[in-house]
Structures are given as structure tokens and as C-alpha cells.
Amino acid sequence: MEKRQYFRAKLNGTEVHISDQAGFCMATLKDCSRFGLCITDIPRKIHTKDGNFIAIISTKGINFKLQITERWTTKDGLSMQIGGTIEKPNWDWTEMIMKHEPINDDVWAAH
């Protein structure tokens, strides 16, 4: 059982575009919370500057531009996975994530 401070939502069909301020790519959103996310299938040609990058997350016709600080990275062949903290998440992002969070504390305890 994972012990996380915040619930992680899995948003199927969500596009992620990443910019390292020199180039950009598409990747896959594995999961996300109010204050963090995990992105997979990132080409290794992306190099975050000082561990910071921009992620544009598109879900249900809404785009969220998020400043991400990298917390960890794993590399697998030609791609990598990054876990990061969302710096100063805006209210629209927080509200969207809240819609995916369990309402009942008993449901949260099961995660």
C-alpha cells in the first residue's frame, strides 16, 4: 500500500506536452494530485533546466499550464519517467483534481 499525502487520480485519455524551454514533446500522464504528478514515456532528449519544466495537460477540452519541479527520474531505454511537484497550482487545476478525489474518508483509507 502506498502512503501518499494526497490522493493520486488517473486521468485516462489525458495529453501531456512538456517543454524544457529548448524543445517540446508529448508524454503520458500516469497519475496526478493537487500538488504533484507522474509523467511517463518522455523521450530522453528532453533535459530539464535545473529540474524545472513546463507541462501542458489537456483533459476534456481544458488545458492546464503547470510549472513542474522534478523530484525523481527513472530511465528505461530511450524514454524516462519523471515525478514532480506542481509549483503554485492554480484554482482551476485544484478544482479539477478535487472532482476525482474520494468523498468518503473510508474510500481514501483503502488507497
PDB file of N, CA and C in Angstrom:
ATOM      1  N   MET A   1       0.837  -1.184   0.000  1.00  0.00           N
ATOM      2  CA  MET A   1       0.000   0.000   0.000  1.00  0.00           C
ATOM      3  C   MET A   1       0.884   1.250   0.000  1.00  0.00           C
ATOM      4  N   GLU A   2       0.590   2.153  -0.922  1.00  0.00           N
ATOM      5  CA  GLU A   2       1.333   3.402  -0.983  1.00  0.00           C
ATOM      6  C   GLU A   2       0.844   4.351   0.097  1.00  0.00           C
ATOM      7  N   LYS A   3       1.766   5.042   0.724  1.00  0.00           N
ATOM      8  CA  LYS A   3       1.400   6.034   1.732  1.00  0.00           C
ATOM      9  C   LYS A   3       1.714   7.403   1.161  1.00  0.00           C
ATOM     10  N   ARG A   4       0.719   8.014   0.592  1.00  0.00           N
ATOM     11  CA  ARG A   4       0.873   9.331  -0.015  1.00  0.00           C
ATOM     12  C   ARG A   4       0.092  10.346   0.792  1.00  0.00           C
ATOM     13  N   GLN A   5       0.577  11.566   0.750  1.00  0.00           N
ATOM     14  CA  GLN A   5      -0.108  12.639   1.456  1.00  0.00           C
ATOM     15  C   GLN A   5      -1.390  13.028   0.737  1.00  0.00           C
ATOM     16  N   TYR A   6      -1.378  12.950  -0.605  1.00  0.00           N
ATOM     17  CA  TYR A   6      -2.534  13.359  -1.401  1.00  0.00           C
ATOM     18  C   TYR A   6      -2.959  12.233  -2.327  1.00  0.00           C
ATOM     19  N   PHE A   7      -4.251  12.135  -2.555  1.00  0.00           N
ATOM     20  CA  PHE A   7      -4.831  11.155  -3.464  1.00  0.00           C
ATOM     21  C   PHE A   7      -4.278  11.354  -4.866  1.00  0.00           C
ATOM     22  N   ARG A   8      -3.966  10.275  -5.563  1.00  0.00           N
ATOM     23  CA  ARG A   8      -3.494  10.326  -6.940  1.00  0.00           C
ATOM     24  C   ARG A   8      -4.616   9.905  -7.876  1.00  0.00           C
ATOM     25  N   ALA A   9      -4.968  10.785  -8.799  1.00  0.00           N
ATOM     26  CA  ALA A   9      -6.007  10.497  -9.786  1.00  0.00           C
ATOM     27  C   ALA A   9      -5.361   9.961 -11.056  1.00  0.00           C
ATOM     28  N   LYS A  10      -6.037   9.047 -11.715  1.00  0.00           N
ATOM     29  CA  LYS A  10      -5.603   8.542 -13.015  1.00  0.00           C
ATOM     30  C   LYS A  10      -6.601   9.096 -14.033  1.00  0.00           C
ATOM     31  N   LEU A  11      -6.136   9.987 -14.886  1.00  0.00           N
ATOM     32  CA  LEU A  11      -6.993  10.641 -15.863  1.00  0.00           C
ATOM     33  C   LEU A  11      -6.743  10.029 -17.237  1.00  0.00           C
ATOM     34  N   ASN A  12      -7.515   9.015 -17.576  1.00  0.00           N
ATOM     35  CA  ASN A  12      -7.339   8.324 -18.851  1.00  0.00           C
ATOM     36  C   ASN A  12      -7.596   9.277 -20.014  1.00  0.00           C
ATOM     37  N   GLY A  13      -6.831   9.115 -21.074  1.00  0.00           N
ATOM     38  CA  GLY A  13      -7.007   9.935 -22.265  1.00  0.00           C
ATOM     39  C   GLY A  13      -6.507  11.357 -22.103  1.00  0.00           C
ATOM     40  N   THR A  14      -5.560  11.561 -21.202  1.00  0.00           N
ATOM     41  CA  THR A  14      -5.047  12.902 -20.936  1.00  0.00           C
ATOM     42  C   THR A  14      -3.730  13.109 -21.665  1.00  0.00           C
ATOM     43  N   GLU A  15      -3.665  14.173 -22.459  1.00  0.00           N
ATOM     44  CA  GLU A  15      -2.442  14.513 -23.178  1.00  0.00           C
ATOM     45  C   GLU A  15      -1.536  15.369 -22.303  1.00  0.00           C
ATOM     46  N   VAL A  16      -0.234  15.150 -22.434  1.00  0.00           N
ATOM     47  CA  VAL A  16       0.750  15.972 -21.735  1.00  0.00           C
ATOM     48  C   VAL A  16       1.785  16.420 -22.762  1.00  0.00           C
ATOM     49  N   HIS A  17       2.011  17.703 -22.821  1.00  0.00           N
ATOM     50  CA  HIS A  17       3.080  18.267 -23.640  1.00  0.00           C
ATOM     51  C   HIS A  17       4.084  18.873 -22.668  1.00  0.00           C
ATOM     52  N   ILE A  18       5.346  18.546 -22.869  1.00  0.00           N
ATOM     53  CA  ILE A  18       6.401  19.007 -21.977  1.00  0.00           C
ATOM     54  C   ILE A  18       7.334  19.925 -22.745  1.00  0.00           C
ATOM     55  N   SER A  19       7.734  21.014 -22.101  1.00  0.00           N
ATOM     56  CA  SER A  19       8.730  21.903 -22.680  1.00  0.00           C
ATOM     57  C   SER A  19       9.866  22.085 -21.686  1.00  0.00           C
ATOM     58  N   ASP A  20      11.091  21.855 -22.173  1.00  0.00           N
ATOM     59  CA  ASP A  20      12.267  22.106 -21.346  1.00  0.00           C
ATOM     60  C   ASP A  20      12.863  23.469 -21.689  1.00  0.00           C
ATOM     61  N   GLN A  21      12.114  24.274 -22.400  1.00  0.00           N
ATOM     62  CA  GLN A  21      12.447  25.627 -22.838  1.00  0.00           C
ATOM     63  C   GLN A  21      13.447  25.626 -23.977  1.00  0.00           C
ATOM     64  N   ALA A  22      13.821  24.432 -24.482  1.00  0.00           N
ATOM     65  CA  ALA A  22      14.644  24.334 -25.682  1.00  0.00           C
ATOM     66  C   ALA A  22      13.901  23.529 -26.740  1.00  0.00           C
ATOM     67  N   GLY A  23      13.030  22.630 -26.292  1.00  0.00           N
ATOM     68  CA  GLY A  23      12.250  21.787 -27.183  1.00  0.00           C
ATOM     69  C   GLY A  23      10.990  21.341 -26.472  1.00  0.00           C
ATOM     70  N   PHE A  24      10.214  20.520 -27.156  1.00  0.00           N
ATOM     71  CA  PHE A  24       8.999  20.014 -26.521  1.00  0.00           C
ATOM     72  C   PHE A  24       8.721  18.606 -27.020  1.00  0.00           C
ATOM     73  N   CYS A  25       7.862  17.885 -26.288  1.00  0.00           N
ATOM     74  CA  CYS A  25       7.481  16.534 -26.670  1.00  0.00           C
ATOM     75  C   CYS A  25       6.126  16.202 -26.054  1.00  0.00           C
ATOM     76  N   MET A  26       5.558  15.098 -26.529  1.00  0.00           N
ATOM     77  CA  MET A  26       4.349  14.552 -25.915  1.00  0.00           C
ATOM     78  C   MET A  26       4.763  13.422 -24.987  1.00  0.00           C
ATOM     79  N   ALA A  27       3.989  13.224 -23.934  1.00  0.00           N
ATOM     80  CA  ALA A  27       4.252  12.164 -22.970  1.00  0.00           C
ATOM     81  C   ALA A  27       2.922  11.645 -22.445  1.00  0.00           C
ATOM     82  N   THR A  28       2.982  10.748 -21.486  1.00  0.00           N
ATOM     83  CA  THR A  28       1.789  10.128 -20.913  1.00  0.00           C
ATOM     84  C   THR A  28       1.685  10.488 -19.441  1.00  0.00           C
ATOM     85  N   LEU A  29       0.504  10.930 -19.019  1.00  0.00           N
ATOM     86  CA  LEU A  29       0.261  11.214 -17.607  1.00  0.00           C
ATOM     87  C   LEU A  29      -0.105   9.910 -16.921  1.00  0.00           C
ATOM     88  N   LYS A  30       0.728   9.468 -15.993  1.00  0.00           N
ATOM     89  CA  LYS A  30       0.448   8.233 -15.247  1.00  0.00           C
ATOM     90  C   LYS A  30      -0.571   8.509 -14.154  1.00  0.00           C
ATOM     91  N   ASP A  31      -0.302   9.540 -13.332  1.00  0.00           N
ATOM     92  CA  ASP A  31      -1.242   9.939 -12.291  1.00  0.00           C
ATOM     93  C   ASP A  31      -0.910  11.351 -11.846  1.00  0.00           C
ATOM     94  N   CYS A  32      -1.837  11.944 -11.090  1.00  0.00           N
ATOM     95  CA  CYS A  32      -1.621  13.317 -10.635  1.00  0.00           C
ATOM     96  C   CYS A  32      -2.421  13.577  -9.366  1.00  0.00           C
ATOM     97  N   SER A  33      -2.013  14.614  -8.663  1.00  0.00           N
ATOM     98  CA  SER A  33      -2.710  15.046  -7.454  1.00  0.00           C
ATOM     99  C   SER A  33      -2.787  16.563  -7.488  1.00  0.00           C
ATOM    100  N   ARG A  34      -3.258  17.145  -6.411  1.00  0.00           N
ATOM    101  CA  ARG A  34      -3.332  18.604  -6.342  1.00  0.00           C
ATOM    102  C   ARG A  34      -1.951  19.245  -6.476  1.00  0.00           C
ATOM    103  N   PHE A  35      -0.920  18.573  -5.974  1.00  0.00           N
ATOM    104  CA  PHE A  35       0.399  19.185  -5.887  1.00  0.00           C
ATOM    105  C   PHE A  35       1.515  18.418  -6.584  1.00  0.00           C
ATOM    106  N   GLY A  36       1.188  17.326  -7.271  1.00  0.00           N
ATOM    107  CA  GLY A  36       2.236  16.556  -7.928  1.00  0.00           C
ATOM    108  C   GLY A  36       1.707  15.711  -9.057  1.00  0.00           C
ATOM    109  N   LEU A  37       2.641  15.134  -9.828  1.00  0.00           N
ATOM    110  CA  LEU A  37       2.256  14.264 -10.926  1.00  0.00           C
ATOM    111  C   LEU A  37       3.381  13.329 -11.292  1.00  0.00           C
ATOM    112  N   CYS A  38       3.028  12.312 -12.065  1.00  0.00           N
ATOM    113  CA  CYS A  38       3.994  11.374 -12.605  1.00  0.00           C
ATOM    114  C   CYS A  38       3.742  11.288 -14.107  1.00  0.00           C
ATOM    115  N   ILE A  39       4.797  11.530 -14.887  1.00  0.00           N
ATOM    116  CA  ILE A  39       4.696  11.526 -16.342  1.00  0.00           C
ATOM    117  C   ILE A  39       5.627  10.443 -16.866  1.00  0.00           C
ATOM    118  N   THR A  40       5.130   9.617 -17.811  1.00  0.00           N
ATOM    119  CA  THR A  40       5.921   8.535 -18.390  1.00  0.00           C
ATOM    120  C   THR A  40       6.084   8.750 -19.896  1.00  0.00           C
ATOM    121  N   ASP A  41       6.859   7.871 -20.508  1.00  0.00           N
ATOM    122  CA  ASP A  41       7.091   7.887 -21.961  1.00  0.00           C
ATOM    123  C   ASP A  41       7.681   9.206 -22.447  1.00  0.00           C
ATOM    124  N   ILE A  42       8.574   9.783 -21.651  1.00  0.00           N
ATOM    125  CA  ILE A  42       9.236  11.032 -22.011  1.00  0.00           C
ATOM    126  C   ILE A  42      10.512  10.698 -22.774  1.00  0.00           C
ATOM    127  N   PRO A  43      10.678  11.228 -23.985  1.00  0.00           N
ATOM    128  CA  PRO A  43      11.937  10.974 -24.702  1.00  0.00           C
ATOM    129  C   PRO A  43      13.127  11.511 -23.914  1.00  0.00           C
ATOM    130  N   ARG A  44      14.224  10.777 -23.917  1.00  0.00           N
ATOM    131  CA  ARG A  44      15.397  11.186 -23.141  1.00  0.00           C
ATOM    132  C   ARG A  44      16.071  12.429 -23.704  1.00  0.00           C
ATOM    133  N   LYS A  45      15.620  12.884 -24.880  1.00  0.00           N
ATOM    134  CA  LYS A  45      16.212  14.107 -25.445  1.00  0.00           C
ATOM    135  C   LYS A  45      15.775  15.350 -24.671  1.00  0.00           C
ATOM    136  N   ILE A  46      14.730  15.230 -23.854  1.00  0.00           N
ATOM    137  CA  ILE A  46      14.280  16.349 -23.028  1.00  0.00           C
ATOM    138  C   ILE A  46      15.212  16.484 -21.834  1.00  0.00           C
ATOM    139  N   HIS A  47      15.695  17.691 -21.602  1.00  0.00           N
ATOM    140  CA  HIS A  47      16.595  17.959 -20.483  1.00  0.00           C
ATOM    141  C   HIS A  47      16.020  19.114 -19.670  1.00  0.00           C
ATOM    142  N   THR A  48      15.591  18.816 -18.477  1.00  0.00           N
ATOM    143  CA  THR A  48      15.018  19.869 -17.642  1.00  0.00           C
ATOM    144  C   THR A  48      16.123  20.802 -17.174  1.00  0.00           C
ATOM    145  N   LYS A  49      15.828  22.091 -17.146  1.00  0.00           N
ATOM    146  CA  LYS A  49      16.816  23.078 -16.711  1.00  0.00           C
ATOM    147  C   LYS A  49      16.674  23.244 -15.199  1.00  0.00           C
ATOM    148  N   ASP A  50      17.707  22.885 -14.487  1.00  0.00           N
ATOM    149  CA  ASP A  50      17.709  22.966 -13.026  1.00  0.00           C
ATOM    150  C   ASP A  50      16.528  22.210 -12.427  1.00  0.00           C
ATOM    151  N   GLY A  51      16.082  21.146 -13.112  1.00  0.00           N
ATOM    152  CA  GLY A  51      14.985  20.338 -12.601  1.00  0.00           C
ATOM    153  C   GLY A  51      13.613  20.951 -12.773  1.00  0.00           C
ATOM    154  N   ASN A  52      13.495  21.992 -13.602  1.00  0.00           N
ATOM    155  CA  ASN A  52      12.212  22.662 -13.823  1.00  0.00           C
ATOM    156  C   ASN A  52      11.790  22.539 -15.279  1.00  0.00           C
ATOM    157  N   PHE A  53      10.485  22.367 -15.487  1.00  0.00           N
ATOM    158  CA  PHE A  53       9.953  22.335 -16.843  1.00  0.00           C
ATOM    159  C   PHE A  53       8.475  22.719 -16.814  1.00  0.00           C
ATOM    160  N   ILE A  54       7.942  22.951 -17.997  1.00  0.00           N
ATOM    161  CA  ILE A  54       6.528  23.301 -18.153  1.00  0.00           C
ATOM    162  C   ILE A  54       5.791  22.077 -18.681  1.00  0.00           C
ATOM    163  N   ALA A  55       4.626  21.777 -18.117  1.00  0.00           N
ATOM    164  CA  ALA A  55       3.765  20.709 -18.615  1.00  0.00           C
ATOM    165  C   ALA A  55       2.409  21.325 -18.956  1.00  0.00           C
ATOM    166  N   ILE A  56       1.945  21.053 -20.163  1.00  0.00           N
ATOM    167  CA  ILE A  56       0.595  21.440 -20.564  1.00  0.00           C
ATOM    168  C   ILE A  56      -0.225  20.160 -20.547  1.00  0.00           C
ATOM    169  N   ILE A  57      -1.193  20.103 -19.662  1.00  0.00           N
ATOM    170  CA  ILE A  57      -2.041  18.923 -19.519  1.00  0.00           C
ATOM    171  C   ILE A  57      -3.405  19.254 -20.098  1.00  0.00           C
ATOM    172  N   SER A  58      -3.831  18.439 -21.062  1.00  0.00           N
ATOM    173  CA  SER A  58      -5.104  18.657 -21.746  1.00  0.00           C
ATOM    174  C   SER A  58      -6.046  17.517 -21.404  1.00  0.00           C
ATOM    175  N   THR A  59      -7.158  17.850 -20.779  1.00  0.00           N
ATOM    176  CA  THR A  59      -8.157  16.846 -20.429  1.00  0.00           C
ATOM    177  C   THR A  59      -9.549  17.433 -20.604  1.00  0.00           C
ATOM    178  N   LYS A  60     -10.388  16.697 -21.291  1.00  0.00           N
ATOM    179  CA  LYS A  60     -11.780  17.096 -21.518  1.00  0.00           C
ATOM    180  C   LYS A  60     -11.879  18.508 -22.091  1.00  0.00           C
ATOM    181  N   GLY A  61     -11.001  18.836 -23.029  1.00  0.00           N
ATOM    182  CA  GLY A  61     -11.053  20.126 -23.699  1.00  0.00           C
ATOM    183  C   GLY A  61     -10.513  21.299 -22.896  1.00  0.00           C
ATOM    184  N   ILE A  62      -9.930  21.038 -21.740  1.00  0.00           N
ATOM    185  CA  ILE A  62      -9.378  22.113 -20.903  1.00  0.00           C
ATOM    186  C   ILE A  62      -7.864  21.916 -20.814  1.00  0.00           C
ATOM    187  N   ASN A  63      -7.113  23.012 -20.959  1.00  0.00           N
ATOM    188  CA  ASN A  63      -5.655  22.974 -20.863  1.00  0.00           C
ATOM    189  C   ASN A  63      -5.197  23.601 -19.557  1.00  0.00           C
ATOM    190  N   PHE A  64      -4.246  22.936 -18.918  1.00  0.00           N
ATOM    191  CA  PHE A  64      -3.654  23.446 -17.684  1.00  0.00           C
ATOM    192  C   PHE A  64      -2.159  23.604 -17.916  1.00  0.00           C
ATOM    193  N   LYS A  65      -1.639  24.813 -17.773  1.00  0.00           N
ATOM    194  CA  LYS A  65      -0.208  25.065 -17.899  1.00  0.00           C
ATOM    195  C   LYS A  65       0.377  25.050 -16.497  1.00  0.00           C
ATOM    196  N   LEU A  66       1.273  24.095 -16.250  1.00  0.00           N
ATOM    197  CA  LEU A  66       1.813  23.888 -14.908  1.00  0.00           C
ATOM    198  C   LEU A  66       3.336  23.977 -14.903  1.00  0.00           C
ATOM    199  N   GLN A  67       3.867  24.693 -13.941  1.00  0.00           N
ATOM    200  CA  GLN A  67       5.314  24.741 -13.715  1.00  0.00           C
ATOM    201  C   GLN A  67       5.655  23.569 -12.801  1.00  0.00           C
ATOM    202  N   ILE A  68       6.555  22.689 -13.247  1.00  0.00           N
ATOM    203  CA  ILE A  68       6.884  21.467 -12.514  1.00  0.00           C
ATOM    204  C   ILE A  68       8.334  21.510 -12.044  1.00  0.00           C
ATOM    205  N   THR A  69       8.554  21.083 -10.809  1.00  0.00           N
ATOM    206  CA  THR A  69       9.899  20.874 -10.291  1.00  0.00           C
ATOM    207  C   THR A  69      10.107  19.375 -10.159  1.00  0.00           C
ATOM    208  N   GLU A  70      11.102  18.868 -10.852  1.00  0.00           N
ATOM    209  CA  GLU A  70      11.405  17.446 -10.855  1.00  0.00           C
ATOM    210  C   GLU A  70      11.845  16.985  -9.464  1.00  0.00           C
ATOM    211  N   ARG A  71      11.275  15.860  -8.986  1.00  0.00           N
ATOM    212  CA  ARG A  71      11.650  15.275  -7.694  1.00  0.00           C
ATOM    213  C   ARG A  71      12.436  13.989  -7.879  1.00  0.00           C
ATOM    214  N   TRP A  72      12.105  13.229  -8.930  1.00  0.00           N
ATOM    215  CA  TRP A  72      12.825  11.995  -9.222  1.00  0.00           C
ATOM    216  C   TRP A  72      12.669  11.648 -10.691  1.00  0.00           C
ATOM    217  N   THR A  73      13.600  10.852 -11.204  1.00  0.00           N
ATOM    218  CA  THR A  73      13.586  10.410 -12.602  1.00  0.00           C
ATOM    219  C   THR A  73      14.055   8.966 -12.660  1.00  0.00           C
ATOM    220  N   THR A  74      13.399   8.173 -13.510  1.00  0.00           N
ATOM    221  CA  THR A  74      13.903   6.844 -13.828  1.00  0.00           C
ATOM    222  C   THR A  74      14.024   6.757 -15.340  1.00  0.00           C
ATOM    223  N   LYS A  75      15.064   6.068 -15.806  1.00  0.00           N
ATOM    224  CA  LYS A  75      15.312   5.939 -17.241  1.00  0.00           C
ATOM    225  C   LYS A  75      15.110   4.492 -17.650  1.00  0.00           C
ATOM    226  N   ASP A  76      14.468   4.314 -18.830  1.00  0.00           N
ATOM    227  CA  ASP A  76      14.206   2.981 -19.355  1.00  0.00           C
ATOM    228  C   ASP A  76      14.401   3.033 -20.866  1.00  0.00           C
ATOM    229  N   GLY A  77      15.527   2.552 -21.324  1.00  0.00           N
ATOM    230  CA  GLY A  77      15.798   2.580 -22.759  1.00  0.00           C
ATOM    231  C   GLY A  77      15.892   4.003 -23.278  1.00  0.00           C
ATOM    232  N   LEU A  78      15.064   4.316 -24.263  1.00  0.00           N
ATOM    233  CA  LEU A  78      15.082   5.648 -24.875  1.00  0.00           C
ATOM    234  C   LEU A  78      14.117   6.625 -24.217  1.00  0.00           C
ATOM    235  N   SER A  79      13.425   6.182 -23.181  1.00  0.00           N
ATOM    236  CA  SER A  79      12.458   7.072 -22.519  1.00  0.00           C
ATOM    237  C   SER A  79      12.735   7.141 -21.020  1.00  0.00           C
ATOM    238  N   MET A  80      12.013   8.031 -20.375  1.00  0.00           N
ATOM    239  CA  MET A  80      12.156   8.169 -18.927  1.00  0.00           C
ATOM    240  C   MET A  80      10.815   8.510 -18.303  1.00  0.00           C
ATOM    241  N   GLN A  81      10.780   8.438 -16.989  1.00  0.00           N
ATOM    242  CA  GLN A  81       9.599   8.756 -16.196  1.00  0.00           C
ATOM    243  C   GLN A  81      10.030   9.797 -15.171  1.00  0.00           C
ATOM    244  N   ILE A  82       9.192  10.806 -14.978  1.00  0.00           N
ATOM    245  CA  ILE A  82       9.513  11.874 -14.026  1.00  0.00           C
ATOM    246  C   ILE A  82       8.365  12.035 -13.040  1.00  0.00           C
ATOM    247  N   GLY A  83       8.719  12.158 -11.778  1.00  0.00           N
ATOM    248  CA  GLY A  83       7.776  12.532 -10.732  1.00  0.00           C
ATOM    249  C   GLY A  83       8.118  13.950 -10.318  1.00  0.00           C
ATOM    250  N   GLY A  84       7.106  14.797 -10.208  1.00  0.00           N
ATOM    251  CA  GLY A  84       7.401  16.182  -9.889  1.00  0.00           C
ATOM    252  C   GLY A  84       6.356  16.855  -9.043  1.00  0.00           C
ATOM    253  N   THR A  85       6.742  17.993  -8.511  1.00  0.00           N
ATOM    254  CA  THR A  85       5.863  18.846  -7.710  1.00  0.00           C
ATOM    255  C   THR A  85       5.344  19.970  -8.597  1.00  0.00           C
ATOM    256  N   ILE A  86       4.058  20.254  -8.480  1.00  0.00           N
ATOM    257  CA  ILE A  86       3.456  21.373  -9.208  1.00  0.00           C
ATOM    258  C   ILE A  86       3.670  22.621  -8.375  1.00  0.00           C
ATOM    259  N   GLU A  87       4.362  23.595  -8.950  1.00  0.00           N
ATOM    260  CA  GLU A  87       4.643  24.840  -8.243  1.00  0.00           C
ATOM    261  C   GLU A  87       3.453  25.793  -8.381  1.00  0.00           C
ATOM    262  N   LYS A  88       2.924  26.226  -7.285  1.00  0.00           N
ATOM    263  CA  LYS A  88       1.810  27.172  -7.236  1.00  0.00           C
ATOM    264  C   LYS A  88       0.648  26.763  -8.148  1.00  0.00           C
ATOM    265  N   PRO A  89       0.042  25.603  -7.888  1.00  0.00           N
ATOM    266  CA  PRO A  89      -1.084  25.171  -8.735  1.00  0.00           C
ATOM    267  C   PRO A  89      -2.226  26.186  -8.666  1.00  0.00           C
ATOM    268  N   ASN A  90      -2.839  26.459  -9.822  1.00  0.00           N
ATOM    269  CA  ASN A  90      -3.941  27.424  -9.829  1.00  0.00           C
ATOM    270  C   ASN A  90      -5.244  26.745  -9.382  1.00  0.00           C
ATOM    271  N   TRP A  91      -6.244  27.555  -9.127  1.00  0.00           N
ATOM    272  CA  TRP A  91      -7.504  27.043  -8.599  1.00  0.00           C
ATOM    273  C   TRP A  91      -8.196  26.106  -9.585  1.00  0.00           C
ATOM    274  N   ASP A  92      -8.120  26.390 -10.881  1.00  0.00           N
ATOM    275  CA  ASP A  92      -8.769  25.527 -11.874  1.00  0.00           C
ATOM    276  C   ASP A  92      -8.220  24.098 -11.794  1.00  0.00           C
ATOM    277  N   TRP A  93      -6.897  23.969 -11.645  1.00  0.00           N
ATOM    278  CA  TRP A  93      -6.277  22.647 -11.516  1.00  0.00           C
ATOM    279  C   TRP A  93      -6.753  21.966 -10.234  1.00  0.00           C
ATOM    280  N   THR A  94      -6.704  22.678  -9.131  1.00  0.00           N
ATOM    281  CA  THR A  94      -7.104  22.119  -7.837  1.00  0.00           C
ATOM    282  C   THR A  94      -8.556  21.663  -7.879  1.00  0.00           C
ATOM    283  N   GLU A  95      -9.421  22.476  -8.444  1.00  0.00           N
ATOM    284  CA  GLU A  95     -10.839  22.141  -8.530  1.00  0.00           C
ATOM    285  C   GLU A  95     -11.066  20.897  -9.391  1.00  0.00           C
ATOM    286  N   MET A  96     -10.346  20.783 -10.513  1.00  0.00           N
ATOM    287  CA  MET A  96     -10.486  19.627 -11.386  1.00  0.00           C
ATOM    288  C   MET A  96     -10.050  18.353 -10.648  1.00  0.00           C
ATOM    289  N   ILE A  97      -8.938  18.408  -9.927  1.00  0.00           N
ATOM    290  CA  ILE A  97      -8.465  17.237  -9.175  1.00  0.00           C
ATOM    291  C   ILE A  97      -9.441  16.879  -8.061  1.00  0.00           C
ATOM    292  N   MET A  98      -9.988  17.879  -7.394  1.00  0.00           N
ATOM    293  CA  MET A  98     -10.941  17.625  -6.308  1.00  0.00           C
ATOM    294  C   MET A  98     -12.148  16.836  -6.791  1.00  0.00           C
ATOM    295  N   LYS A  99     -12.541  17.008  -8.046  1.00  0.00           N
ATOM    296  CA  LYS A  99     -13.676  16.265  -8.598  1.00  0.00           C
ATOM    297  C   LYS A  99     -13.387  14.774  -8.707  1.00  0.00           C
ATOM    298  N   HIS A 100     -12.104  14.391  -8.716  1.00  0.00           N
ATOM    299  CA  HIS A 100     -11.714  12.987  -8.817  1.00  0.00           C
ATOM    300  C   HIS A 100     -11.393  12.358  -7.464  1.00  0.00           C
ATOM    301  N   GLU A 101     -11.300  13.167  -6.423  1.00  0.00           N
ATOM    302  CA  GLU A 101     -10.956  12.652  -5.107  1.00  0.00           C
ATOM    303  C   GLU A 101     -12.153  11.952  -4.469  1.00  0.00           C
ATOM    304  N   PRO A 102     -11.897  10.899  -3.697  1.00  0.00           N
ATOM    305  CA  PRO A 102     -12.987  10.214  -2.992  1.00  0.00           C
ATOM    306  C   PRO A 102     -13.668  11.170  -2.013  1.00  0.00           C
ATOM    307  N   ILE A 103     -14.965  11.041  -1.898  1.00  0.00           N
ATOM    308  CA  ILE A 103     -15.734  11.882  -0.979  1.00  0.00           C
ATOM    309  C   ILE A 103     -15.671  11.317   0.427  1.00  0.00           C
ATOM    310  N   ASN A 104     -15.680  10.015   0.527  1.00  0.00           N
ATOM    311  CA  ASN A 104     -15.743   9.317   1.801  1.00  0.00           C
ATOM    312  C   ASN A 104     -14.338   8.997   2.286  1.00  0.00           C
ATOM    313  N   ASP A 105     -14.015   9.306   3.550  1.00  0.00           N
ATOM    314  CA  ASP A 105     -12.700   9.018   4.122  1.00  0.00           C
ATOM    315  C   ASP A 105     -12.399   7.517   4.116  1.00  0.00           C
ATOM    316  N   ASP A 106     -13.437   6.676   4.210  1.00  0.00           N
ATOM    317  CA  ASP A 106     -13.226   5.239   4.195  1.00  0.00           C
ATOM    318  C   ASP A 106     -12.677   4.789   2.844  1.00  0.00           C
ATOM    319  N   VAL A 107     -13.115   5.427   1.756  1.00  0.00           N
ATOM    320  CA  VAL A 107     -12.620   5.090   0.426  1.00  0.00           C
ATOM    321  C   VAL A 107     -11.158   5.479   0.325  1.00  0.00           C
ATOM    322  N   TRP A 108     -10.799   6.658   0.860  1.00  0.00           N
ATOM    323  CA  TRP A 108      -9.409   7.118   0.812  1.00  0.00           C
ATOM    324  C   TRP A 108      -8.513   6.170   1.595  1.00  0.00           C
ATOM    325  N   ALA A 109      -8.978   5.652   2.720  1.00  0.00           N
ATOM    326  CA  ALA A 109      -8.170   4.768   3.545  1.00  0.00           C
ATOM    327  C   ALA A 109      -7.827   3.476   2.792  1.00  0.00           C
ATOM    328  N   ALA A 110      -8.635   3.104   1.828  1.00  0.00           N
ATOM    329  CA  ALA A 110      -8.398   1.884   1.065  1.00  0.00           C
ATOM    330  C   ALA A 110      -7.271   2.051   0.050  1.00  0.00           C
ATOM    331  N   HIS A 111      -6.853   3.274  -0.245  1.00  0.00           N
ATOM    332  CA  HIS A 111      -5.810   3.502  -1.238  1.00  0.00           C
ATOM    333  C   HIS A 111      -4.470   3.384  -0.631  1.00  0.00           C
TER     334      HIS A 111
END
